[in-house]
mmCIF file of all heavy atoms, coordinates in Angstrom:
data_MODEL
# 
_entry.id   MODEL 
# 
loop_
_atom_site.group_PDB 
_atom_site.id 
_atom_site.type_symbol 
_atom_site.label_atom_id 
_atom_site.label_alt_id 
_atom_site.label_comp_id 
_atom_site.label_asym_id 
_atom_site.label_entity_id 
_atom_site.label_seq_id 
_atom_site.pdbx_PDB_ins_code 
_atom_site.Cartn_x 
_atom_site.Cartn_y 
_atom_site.Cartn_z 
_atom_site.occupancy 
_atom_site.B_iso_or_equiv 
_atom_site.pdbx_formal_charge 
_atom_site.auth_seq_id 
_atom_site.auth_comp_id 
_atom_site.auth_asym_id 
_atom_site.auth_atom_id 
_atom_site.pdbx_PDB_model_num 
ATOM 1   N N   . SER A 1 1  ? 4.039  -12.948 8.787   1.00 0.00 ? 1  SER A N   1 
ATOM 2   C CA  . SER A 1 1  ? 3.335  -12.003 9.646   1.00 0.00 ? 1  SER A CA  1 
ATOM 3   C C   . SER A 1 1  ? 4.034  -11.863 10.983  1.00 0.00 ? 1  SER A C   1 
ATOM 4   O O   . SER A 1 1  ? 4.654  -12.814 11.486  1.00 0.00 ? 1  SER A O   1 
ATOM 5   C CB  . SER A 1 1  ? 1.887  -12.474 9.883   1.00 0.00 ? 1  SER A CB  1 
ATOM 6   O OG  . SER A 1 1  ? 1.236  -12.743 8.665   1.00 0.00 ? 1  SER A OG  1 
ATOM 7   N N   . GLY A 1 2  ? 3.928  -10.680 11.578  1.00 0.00 ? 2  GLY A N   1 
ATOM 8   C CA  . GLY A 1 2  ? 4.447  -10.455 12.914  1.00 0.00 ? 2  GLY A CA  1 
ATOM 9   C C   . GLY A 1 2  ? 5.941  -10.240 12.996  1.00 0.00 ? 2  GLY A C   1 
ATOM 10  O O   . GLY A 1 2  ? 6.515  -10.315 14.087  1.00 0.00 ? 2  GLY A O   1 
ATOM 11  N N   . LEU A 1 3  ? 6.588  -9.946  11.884  1.00 0.00 ? 3  LEU A N   1 
ATOM 12  C CA  . LEU A 1 3  ? 8.027  -9.696  11.892  1.00 0.00 ? 3  LEU A CA  1 
ATOM 13  C C   . LEU A 1 3  ? 8.303  -8.266  12.350  1.00 0.00 ? 3  LEU A C   1 
ATOM 14  O O   . LEU A 1 3  ? 7.455  -7.392  12.221  1.00 0.00 ? 3  LEU A O   1 
ATOM 15  C CB  . LEU A 1 3  ? 8.630  -9.909  10.500  1.00 0.00 ? 3  LEU A CB  1 
ATOM 16  C CG  . LEU A 1 3  ? 8.910  -11.352 10.044  1.00 0.00 ? 3  LEU A CG  1 
ATOM 17  C CD1 . LEU A 1 3  ? 7.628  -12.144 9.879   1.00 0.00 ? 3  LEU A CD1 1 
ATOM 18  C CD2 . LEU A 1 3  ? 9.708  -11.347 8.736   1.00 0.00 ? 3  LEU A CD2 1 
ATOM 19  N N   . SER A 1 4  ? 9.492  -8.032  12.873  1.00 0.00 ? 4  SER A N   1 
ATOM 20  C CA  . SER A 1 4  ? 9.903  -6.665  13.198  1.00 0.00 ? 4  SER A CA  1 
ATOM 21  C C   . SER A 1 4  ? 10.162 -5.910  11.905  1.00 0.00 ? 4  SER A C   1 
ATOM 22  O O   . SER A 1 4  ? 10.313 -6.506  10.826  1.00 0.00 ? 4  SER A O   1 
ATOM 23  C CB  . SER A 1 4  ? 11.169 -6.678  14.043  1.00 0.00 ? 4  SER A CB  1 
ATOM 24  O OG  . SER A 1 4  ? 12.279 -7.135  13.271  1.00 0.00 ? 4  SER A OG  1 
ATOM 25  N N   . ASP A 1 5  ? 10.232 -4.577  11.998  1.00 0.00 ? 5  ASP A N   1 
ATOM 26  C CA  . ASP A 1 5  ? 10.523 -3.784  10.799  1.00 0.00 ? 5  ASP A CA  1 
ATOM 27  C C   . ASP A 1 5  ? 11.865 -4.165  10.184  1.00 0.00 ? 5  ASP A C   1 
ATOM 28  O O   . ASP A 1 5  ? 12.008 -4.222  8.957   1.00 0.00 ? 5  ASP A O   1 
ATOM 29  C CB  . ASP A 1 5  ? 10.516 -2.294  11.140  1.00 0.00 ? 5  ASP A CB  1 
ATOM 30  C CG  . ASP A 1 5  ? 9.106  -1.737  11.260  1.00 0.00 ? 5  ASP A CG  1 
ATOM 31  O OD1 . ASP A 1 5  ? 8.144  -2.542  11.275  1.00 0.00 ? 5  ASP A OD1 1 
ATOM 32  O OD2 . ASP A 1 5  ? 8.963  -0.497  11.350  1.00 0.00 ? 5  ASP A OD2 1 
ATOM 33  N N   . ALA A 1 6  ? 12.849 -4.421  11.033  1.00 0.00 ? 6  ALA A N   1 
ATOM 34  C CA  . ALA A 1 6  ? 14.166 -4.826  10.529  1.00 0.00 ? 6  ALA A CA  1 
ATOM 35  C C   . ALA A 1 6  ? 14.075 -6.150  9.788   1.00 0.00 ? 6  ALA A C   1 
ATOM 36  O O   . ALA A 1 6  ? 14.696 -6.341  8.728   1.00 0.00 ? 6  ALA A O   1 
ATOM 37  C CB  . ALA A 1 6  ? 15.160 -4.915  11.680  1.00 0.00 ? 6  ALA A CB  1 
ATOM 38  N N   . GLU A 1 7  ? 13.287 -7.087  10.338  1.00 0.00 ? 7  GLU A N   1 
ATOM 39  C CA  . GLU A 1 7  ? 13.131 -8.397  9.698   1.00 0.00 ? 7  GLU A CA  1 
ATOM 40  C C   . GLU A 1 7  ? 12.342 -8.284  8.399   1.00 0.00 ? 7  GLU A C   1 
ATOM 41  O O   . GLU A 1 7  ? 12.658 -8.976  7.409   1.00 0.00 ? 7  GLU A O   1 
ATOM 42  C CB  . GLU A 1 7  ? 12.438 -9.360  10.659  1.00 0.00 ? 7  GLU A CB  1 
ATOM 43  C CG  . GLU A 1 7  ? 13.294 -9.739  11.862  1.00 0.00 ? 7  GLU A CG  1 
ATOM 44  C CD  . GLU A 1 7  ? 12.507 -10.477 12.932  1.00 0.00 ? 7  GLU A CD  1 
ATOM 45  O OE1 . GLU A 1 7  ? 11.273 -10.254 13.048  1.00 0.00 ? 7  GLU A OE1 1 
ATOM 46  O OE2 . GLU A 1 7  ? 13.119 -11.274 13.668  1.00 0.00 ? 7  GLU A OE2 1 
ATOM 47  N N   . VAL A 1 8  ? 11.313 -7.432  8.402   1.00 0.00 ? 8  VAL A N   1 
ATOM 48  C CA  . VAL A 1 8  ? 10.552 -7.210  7.165   1.00 0.00 ? 8  VAL A CA  1 
ATOM 49  C C   . VAL A 1 8  ? 11.476 -6.676  6.072   1.00 0.00 ? 8  VAL A C   1 
ATOM 50  O O   . VAL A 1 8  ? 11.452 -7.144  4.926   1.00 0.00 ? 8  VAL A O   1 
ATOM 51  C CB  . VAL A 1 8  ? 9.386  -6.228  7.407   1.00 0.00 ? 8  VAL A CB  1 
ATOM 52  C CG1 . VAL A 1 8  ? 8.756  -5.802  6.078   1.00 0.00 ? 8  VAL A CG1 1 
ATOM 53  C CG2 . VAL A 1 8  ? 8.327  -6.853  8.314   1.00 0.00 ? 8  VAL A CG2 1 
ATOM 54  N N   . THR A 1 9  ? 12.319 -5.733  6.433   1.00 0.00 ? 9  THR A N   1 
ATOM 55  C CA  . THR A 1 9  ? 13.235 -5.133  5.461   1.00 0.00 ? 9  THR A CA  1 
ATOM 56  C C   . THR A 1 9  ? 14.235 -6.150  4.941   1.00 0.00 ? 9  THR A C   1 
ATOM 57  O O   . THR A 1 9  ? 14.459 -6.271  3.725   1.00 0.00 ? 9  THR A O   1 
ATOM 58  C CB  . THR A 1 9  ? 13.976 -3.949  6.094   1.00 0.00 ? 9  THR A CB  1 
ATOM 59  O OG1 . THR A 1 9  ? 13.023 -3.002  6.587   1.00 0.00 ? 9  THR A OG1 1 
ATOM 60  C CG2 . THR A 1 9  ? 14.894 -3.282  5.084   1.00 0.00 ? 9  THR A CG2 1 
ATOM 61  N N   . SER A 1 10 ? 14.850 -6.895  5.858   1.00 0.00 ? 10 SER A N   1 
ATOM 62  C CA  . SER A 1 10 ? 15.858 -7.884  5.461   1.00 0.00 ? 10 SER A CA  1 
ATOM 63  C C   . SER A 1 10 ? 15.267 -8.936  4.534   1.00 0.00 ? 10 SER A C   1 
ATOM 64  O O   . SER A 1 10 ? 15.859 -9.274  3.503   1.00 0.00 ? 10 SER A O   1 
ATOM 65  C CB  . SER A 1 10 ? 16.435 -8.542  6.716   1.00 0.00 ? 10 SER A CB  1 
ATOM 66  O OG  . SER A 1 10 ? 17.332 -9.565  6.364   1.00 0.00 ? 10 SER A OG  1 
ATOM 67  N N   . ARG A 1 11 ? 14.076 -9.450  4.904   1.00 0.00 ? 11 ARG A N   1 
ATOM 68  C CA  . ARG A 1 11 ? 13.462 -10.482 4.067   1.00 0.00 ? 11 ARG A CA  1 
ATOM 69  C C   . ARG A 1 11 ? 12.999 -9.887  2.743   1.00 0.00 ? 11 ARG A C   1 
ATOM 70  O O   . ARG A 1 11 ? 13.063 -10.541 1.694   1.00 0.00 ? 11 ARG A O   1 
ATOM 71  C CB  . ARG A 1 11 ? 12.300 -11.133 4.804   1.00 0.00 ? 11 ARG A CB  1 
ATOM 72  C CG  . ARG A 1 11 ? 11.701 -12.328 4.061   1.00 0.00 ? 11 ARG A CG  1 
ATOM 73  C CD  . ARG A 1 11 ? 12.751 -13.428 3.840   1.00 0.00 ? 11 ARG A CD  1 
ATOM 74  N NE  . ARG A 1 11 ? 12.223 -14.524 3.070   1.00 0.00 ? 11 ARG A NE  1 
ATOM 75  C CZ  . ARG A 1 11 ? 11.704 -15.646 3.590   1.00 0.00 ? 11 ARG A CZ  1 
ATOM 76  N NH1 . ARG A 1 11 ? 11.668 -15.792 4.922   1.00 0.00 ? 11 ARG A NH1 1 
ATOM 77  N NH2 . ARG A 1 11 ? 11.237 -16.601 2.820   1.00 0.00 ? 11 ARG A NH2 1 
ATOM 78  N N   . GLY A 1 12 ? 12.546 -8.626  2.766   1.00 0.00 ? 12 GLY A N   1 
ATOM 79  C CA  . GLY A 1 12 ? 12.153 -7.972  1.537   1.00 0.00 ? 12 GLY A CA  1 
ATOM 80  C C   . GLY A 1 12 ? 13.304 -7.847  0.562   1.00 0.00 ? 12 GLY A C   1 
ATOM 81  O O   . GLY A 1 12 ? 13.165 -8.128  -0.636  1.00 0.00 ? 12 GLY A O   1 
ATOM 82  N N   . VAL A 1 13 ? 14.467 -7.421  1.065   1.00 0.00 ? 13 VAL A N   1 
ATOM 83  C CA  . VAL A 1 13 ? 15.663 -7.317  0.225   1.00 0.00 ? 13 VAL A CA  1 
ATOM 84  C C   . VAL A 1 13 ? 16.023 -8.680  -0.354  1.00 0.00 ? 13 VAL A C   1 
ATOM 85  O O   . VAL A 1 13 ? 16.362 -8.800  -1.543  1.00 0.00 ? 13 VAL A O   1 
ATOM 86  C CB  . VAL A 1 13 ? 16.838 -6.732  1.036   1.00 0.00 ? 13 VAL A CB  1 
ATOM 87  C CG1 . VAL A 1 13 ? 18.148 -6.865  0.263   1.00 0.00 ? 13 VAL A CG1 1 
ATOM 88  C CG2 . VAL A 1 13 ? 16.571 -5.271  1.392   1.00 0.00 ? 13 VAL A CG2 1 
ATOM 89  N N   . GLN A 1 14 ? 15.918 -9.702  0.473   1.00 0.00 ? 14 GLN A N   1 
ATOM 90  C CA  . GLN A 1 14 ? 16.242 -11.069 0.028   1.00 0.00 ? 14 GLN A CA  1 
ATOM 91  C C   . GLN A 1 14 ? 15.337 -11.501 -1.117  1.00 0.00 ? 14 GLN A C   1 
ATOM 92  O O   . GLN A 1 14 ? 15.815 -12.052 -2.129  1.00 0.00 ? 14 GLN A O   1 
ATOM 93  C CB  . GLN A 1 14 ? 16.106 -12.032 1.202   1.00 0.00 ? 14 GLN A CB  1 
ATOM 94  C CG  . GLN A 1 14 ? 16.335 -13.495 0.848   1.00 0.00 ? 14 GLN A CG  1 
ATOM 95  C CD  . GLN A 1 14 ? 16.071 -14.423 2.034   1.00 0.00 ? 14 GLN A CD  1 
ATOM 96  O OE1 . GLN A 1 14 ? 16.230 -14.038 3.188   1.00 0.00 ? 14 GLN A OE1 1 
ATOM 97  N NE2 . GLN A 1 14 ? 15.643 -15.635 1.747   1.00 0.00 ? 14 GLN A NE2 1 
ATOM 98  N N   . GLU A 1 15 ? 14.033 -11.272 -0.972  1.00 0.00 ? 15 GLU A N   1 
ATOM 99  C CA  . GLU A 1 15 ? 13.084 -11.706 -1.998  1.00 0.00 ? 15 GLU A CA  1 
ATOM 100 C C   . GLU A 1 15 ? 13.263 -10.912 -3.289  1.00 0.00 ? 15 GLU A C   1 
ATOM 101 O O   . GLU A 1 15 ? 13.243 -11.468 -4.387  1.00 0.00 ? 15 GLU A O   1 
ATOM 102 C CB  . GLU A 1 15 ? 11.643 -11.572 -1.486  1.00 0.00 ? 15 GLU A CB  1 
ATOM 103 C CG  . GLU A 1 15 ? 11.321 -12.443 -0.280  1.00 0.00 ? 15 GLU A CG  1 
ATOM 104 C CD  . GLU A 1 15 ? 11.512 -13.922 -0.545  1.00 0.00 ? 15 GLU A CD  1 
ATOM 105 O OE1 . GLU A 1 15 ? 11.313 -14.361 -1.709  1.00 0.00 ? 15 GLU A OE1 1 
ATOM 106 O OE2 . GLU A 1 15 ? 11.862 -14.651 0.399   1.00 0.00 ? 15 GLU A OE2 1 
ATOM 107 N N   . ILE A 1 16 ? 13.461 -9.599  -3.164  1.00 0.00 ? 16 ILE A N   1 
ATOM 108 C CA  . ILE A 1 16 ? 13.663 -8.768  -4.355  1.00 0.00 ? 16 ILE A CA  1 
ATOM 109 C C   . ILE A 1 16 ? 14.918 -9.209  -5.101  1.00 0.00 ? 16 ILE A C   1 
ATOM 110 O O   . ILE A 1 16 ? 14.924 -9.334  -6.335  1.00 0.00 ? 16 ILE A O   1 
ATOM 111 C CB  . ILE A 1 16 ? 13.770 -7.280  -3.953  1.00 0.00 ? 16 ILE A CB  1 
ATOM 112 C CG1 . ILE A 1 16 ? 12.433 -6.787  -3.380  1.00 0.00 ? 16 ILE A CG1 1 
ATOM 113 C CG2 . ILE A 1 16 ? 14.191 -6.417  -5.145  1.00 0.00 ? 16 ILE A CG2 1 
ATOM 114 C CD1 . ILE A 1 16 ? 12.524 -5.469  -2.642  1.00 0.00 ? 16 ILE A CD1 1 
ATOM 115 N N   . SER A 1 17 ? 15.962 -9.473  -4.356  1.00 0.00 ? 17 SER A N   1 
ATOM 116 C CA  . SER A 1 17 ? 17.253 -9.841  -4.965  1.00 0.00 ? 17 SER A CA  1 
ATOM 117 C C   . SER A 1 17 ? 17.206 -11.202 -5.629  1.00 0.00 ? 17 SER A C   1 
ATOM 118 O O   . SER A 1 17 ? 18.029 -11.490 -6.510  1.00 0.00 ? 17 SER A O   1 
ATOM 119 C CB  . SER A 1 17 ? 18.347 -9.829  -3.895  1.00 0.00 ? 17 SER A CB  1 
ATOM 120 O OG  . SER A 1 17 ? 18.452 -8.550  -3.289  1.00 0.00 ? 17 SER A OG  1 
ATOM 121 N N   . SER A 1 18 ? 16.260 -12.037 -5.232  1.00 0.00 ? 18 SER A N   1 
ATOM 122 C CA  . SER A 1 18 ? 16.177 -13.390 -5.791  1.00 0.00 ? 18 SER A CA  1 
ATOM 123 C C   . SER A 1 18 ? 15.771 -13.403 -7.254  1.00 0.00 ? 18 SER A C   1 
ATOM 124 O O   . SER A 1 18 ? 16.029 -14.349 -7.983  1.00 0.00 ? 18 SER A O   1 
ATOM 125 C CB  . SER A 1 18 ? 15.175 -14.220 -4.992  1.00 0.00 ? 18 SER A CB  1 
ATOM 126 O OG  . SER A 1 18 ? 13.850 -13.743 -5.220  1.00 0.00 ? 18 SER A OG  1 
ATOM 127 N N   . GLY A 1 19 ? 15.073 -12.334 -7.677  1.00 0.00 ? 19 GLY A N   1 
ATOM 128 C CA  . GLY A 1 19 ? 14.655 -12.245 -9.074  1.00 0.00 ? 19 GLY A CA  1 
ATOM 129 C C   . GLY A 1 19 ? 13.309 -12.856 -9.372  1.00 0.00 ? 19 GLY A C   1 
ATOM 130 O O   . GLY A 1 19 ? 12.852 -12.806 -10.521 1.00 0.00 ? 19 GLY A O   1 
ATOM 131 N N   . HIS A 1 20 ? 12.622 -13.441 -8.360  1.00 0.00 ? 20 HIS A N   1 
ATOM 132 C CA  . HIS A 1 20 ? 11.353 -14.100 -8.670  1.00 0.00 ? 20 HIS A CA  1 
ATOM 133 C C   . HIS A 1 20 ? 10.118 -13.252 -8.333  1.00 0.00 ? 20 HIS A C   1 
ATOM 134 O O   . HIS A 1 20 ? 8.992  -13.649 -8.626  1.00 0.00 ? 20 HIS A O   1 
ATOM 135 C CB  . HIS A 1 20 ? 11.248 -15.447 -7.953  1.00 0.00 ? 20 HIS A CB  1 
ATOM 136 C CG  . HIS A 1 20 ? 11.383 -15.372 -6.463  1.00 0.00 ? 20 HIS A CG  1 
ATOM 137 N ND1 . HIS A 1 20 ? 12.205 -16.230 -5.747  1.00 0.00 ? 20 HIS A ND1 1 
ATOM 138 C CD2 . HIS A 1 20 ? 10.821 -14.557 -5.544  1.00 0.00 ? 20 HIS A CD2 1 
ATOM 139 C CE1 . HIS A 1 20 ? 12.117 -15.924 -4.460  1.00 0.00 ? 20 HIS A CE1 1 
ATOM 140 N NE2 . HIS A 1 20 ? 11.290 -14.917 -4.318  1.00 0.00 ? 20 HIS A NE2 1 
ATOM 141 N N   . VAL A 1 21 ? 10.297 -12.110 -7.721  1.00 0.00 ? 21 VAL A N   1 
ATOM 142 C CA  . VAL A 1 21 ? 9.163  -11.303 -7.274  1.00 0.00 ? 21 VAL A CA  1 
ATOM 143 C C   . VAL A 1 21 ? 8.445  -10.665 -8.464  1.00 0.00 ? 21 VAL A C   1 
ATOM 144 O O   . VAL A 1 21 ? 9.071  -10.104 -9.357  1.00 0.00 ? 21 VAL A O   1 
ATOM 145 C CB  . VAL A 1 21 ? 9.633  -10.199 -6.301  1.00 0.00 ? 21 VAL A CB  1 
ATOM 146 C CG1 . VAL A 1 21 ? 8.529  -9.171  -6.067  1.00 0.00 ? 21 VAL A CG1 1 
ATOM 147 C CG2 . VAL A 1 21 ? 10.067 -10.817 -4.982  1.00 0.00 ? 21 VAL A CG2 1 
ATOM 148 N N   . ASP A 1 22 ? 7.105  -10.747 -8.441  1.00 0.00 ? 22 ASP A N   1 
ATOM 149 C CA  . ASP A 1 22 ? 6.276  -9.957  -9.356  1.00 0.00 ? 22 ASP A CA  1 
ATOM 150 C C   . ASP A 1 22 ? 5.528  -8.870  -8.590  1.00 0.00 ? 22 ASP A C   1 
ATOM 151 O O   . ASP A 1 22 ? 5.449  -7.738  -9.048  1.00 0.00 ? 22 ASP A O   1 
ATOM 152 C CB  . ASP A 1 22 ? 5.290  -10.859 -10.107 1.00 0.00 ? 22 ASP A CB  1 
ATOM 153 C CG  . ASP A 1 22 ? 6.002  -11.767 -11.085 1.00 0.00 ? 22 ASP A CG  1 
ATOM 154 O OD1 . ASP A 1 22 ? 6.645  -11.245 -12.017 1.00 0.00 ? 22 ASP A OD1 1 
ATOM 155 O OD2 . ASP A 1 22 ? 5.935  -13.001 -10.912 1.00 0.00 ? 22 ASP A OD2 1 
ATOM 156 N N   . PHE A 1 23 ? 4.953  -9.237  -7.445  1.00 0.00 ? 23 PHE A N   1 
ATOM 157 C CA  . PHE A 1 23 ? 4.312  -8.247  -6.574  1.00 0.00 ? 23 PHE A CA  1 
ATOM 158 C C   . PHE A 1 23 ? 4.644  -8.582  -5.132  1.00 0.00 ? 23 PHE A C   1 
ATOM 159 O O   . PHE A 1 23 ? 4.409  -9.711  -4.672  1.00 0.00 ? 23 PHE A O   1 
ATOM 160 C CB  . PHE A 1 23 ? 2.796  -8.221  -6.756  1.00 0.00 ? 23 PHE A CB  1 
ATOM 161 C CG  . PHE A 1 23 ? 2.098  -7.350  -5.742  1.00 0.00 ? 23 PHE A CG  1 
ATOM 162 C CD1 . PHE A 1 23 ? 2.186  -5.963  -5.828  1.00 0.00 ? 23 PHE A CD1 1 
ATOM 163 C CD2 . PHE A 1 23 ? 1.395  -7.904  -4.685  1.00 0.00 ? 23 PHE A CD2 1 
ATOM 164 C CE1 . PHE A 1 23 ? 1.574  -5.152  -4.880  1.00 0.00 ? 23 PHE A CE1 1 
ATOM 165 C CE2 . PHE A 1 23 ? 0.768  -7.104  -3.732  1.00 0.00 ? 23 PHE A CE2 1 
ATOM 166 C CZ  . PHE A 1 23 ? 0.858  -5.720  -3.839  1.00 0.00 ? 23 PHE A CZ  1 
ATOM 167 N N   . LEU A 1 24 ? 5.158  -7.591  -4.416  1.00 0.00 ? 24 LEU A N   1 
ATOM 168 C CA  . LEU A 1 24 ? 5.512  -7.789  -3.011  1.00 0.00 ? 24 LEU A CA  1 
ATOM 169 C C   . LEU A 1 24 ? 5.000  -6.607  -2.201  1.00 0.00 ? 24 LEU A C   1 
ATOM 170 O O   . LEU A 1 24 ? 5.283  -5.450  -2.513  1.00 0.00 ? 24 LEU A O   1 
ATOM 171 C CB  . LEU A 1 24 ? 7.031  -7.907  -2.853  1.00 0.00 ? 24 LEU A CB  1 
ATOM 172 C CG  . LEU A 1 24 ? 7.546  -8.070  -1.414  1.00 0.00 ? 24 LEU A CG  1 
ATOM 173 C CD1 . LEU A 1 24 ? 6.995  -9.339  -0.757  1.00 0.00 ? 24 LEU A CD1 1 
ATOM 174 C CD2 . LEU A 1 24 ? 9.077  -8.084  -1.398  1.00 0.00 ? 24 LEU A CD2 1 
# 
C-alpha cells in the first residue's frame, strides 16, 4: 500500500513475470 504509480507498475511487472500470480 502507498506505493507510487511507477512503483506499483514495476512491482506488478515483477509479480506477473514470476509466474505465480493467479489474481492481481
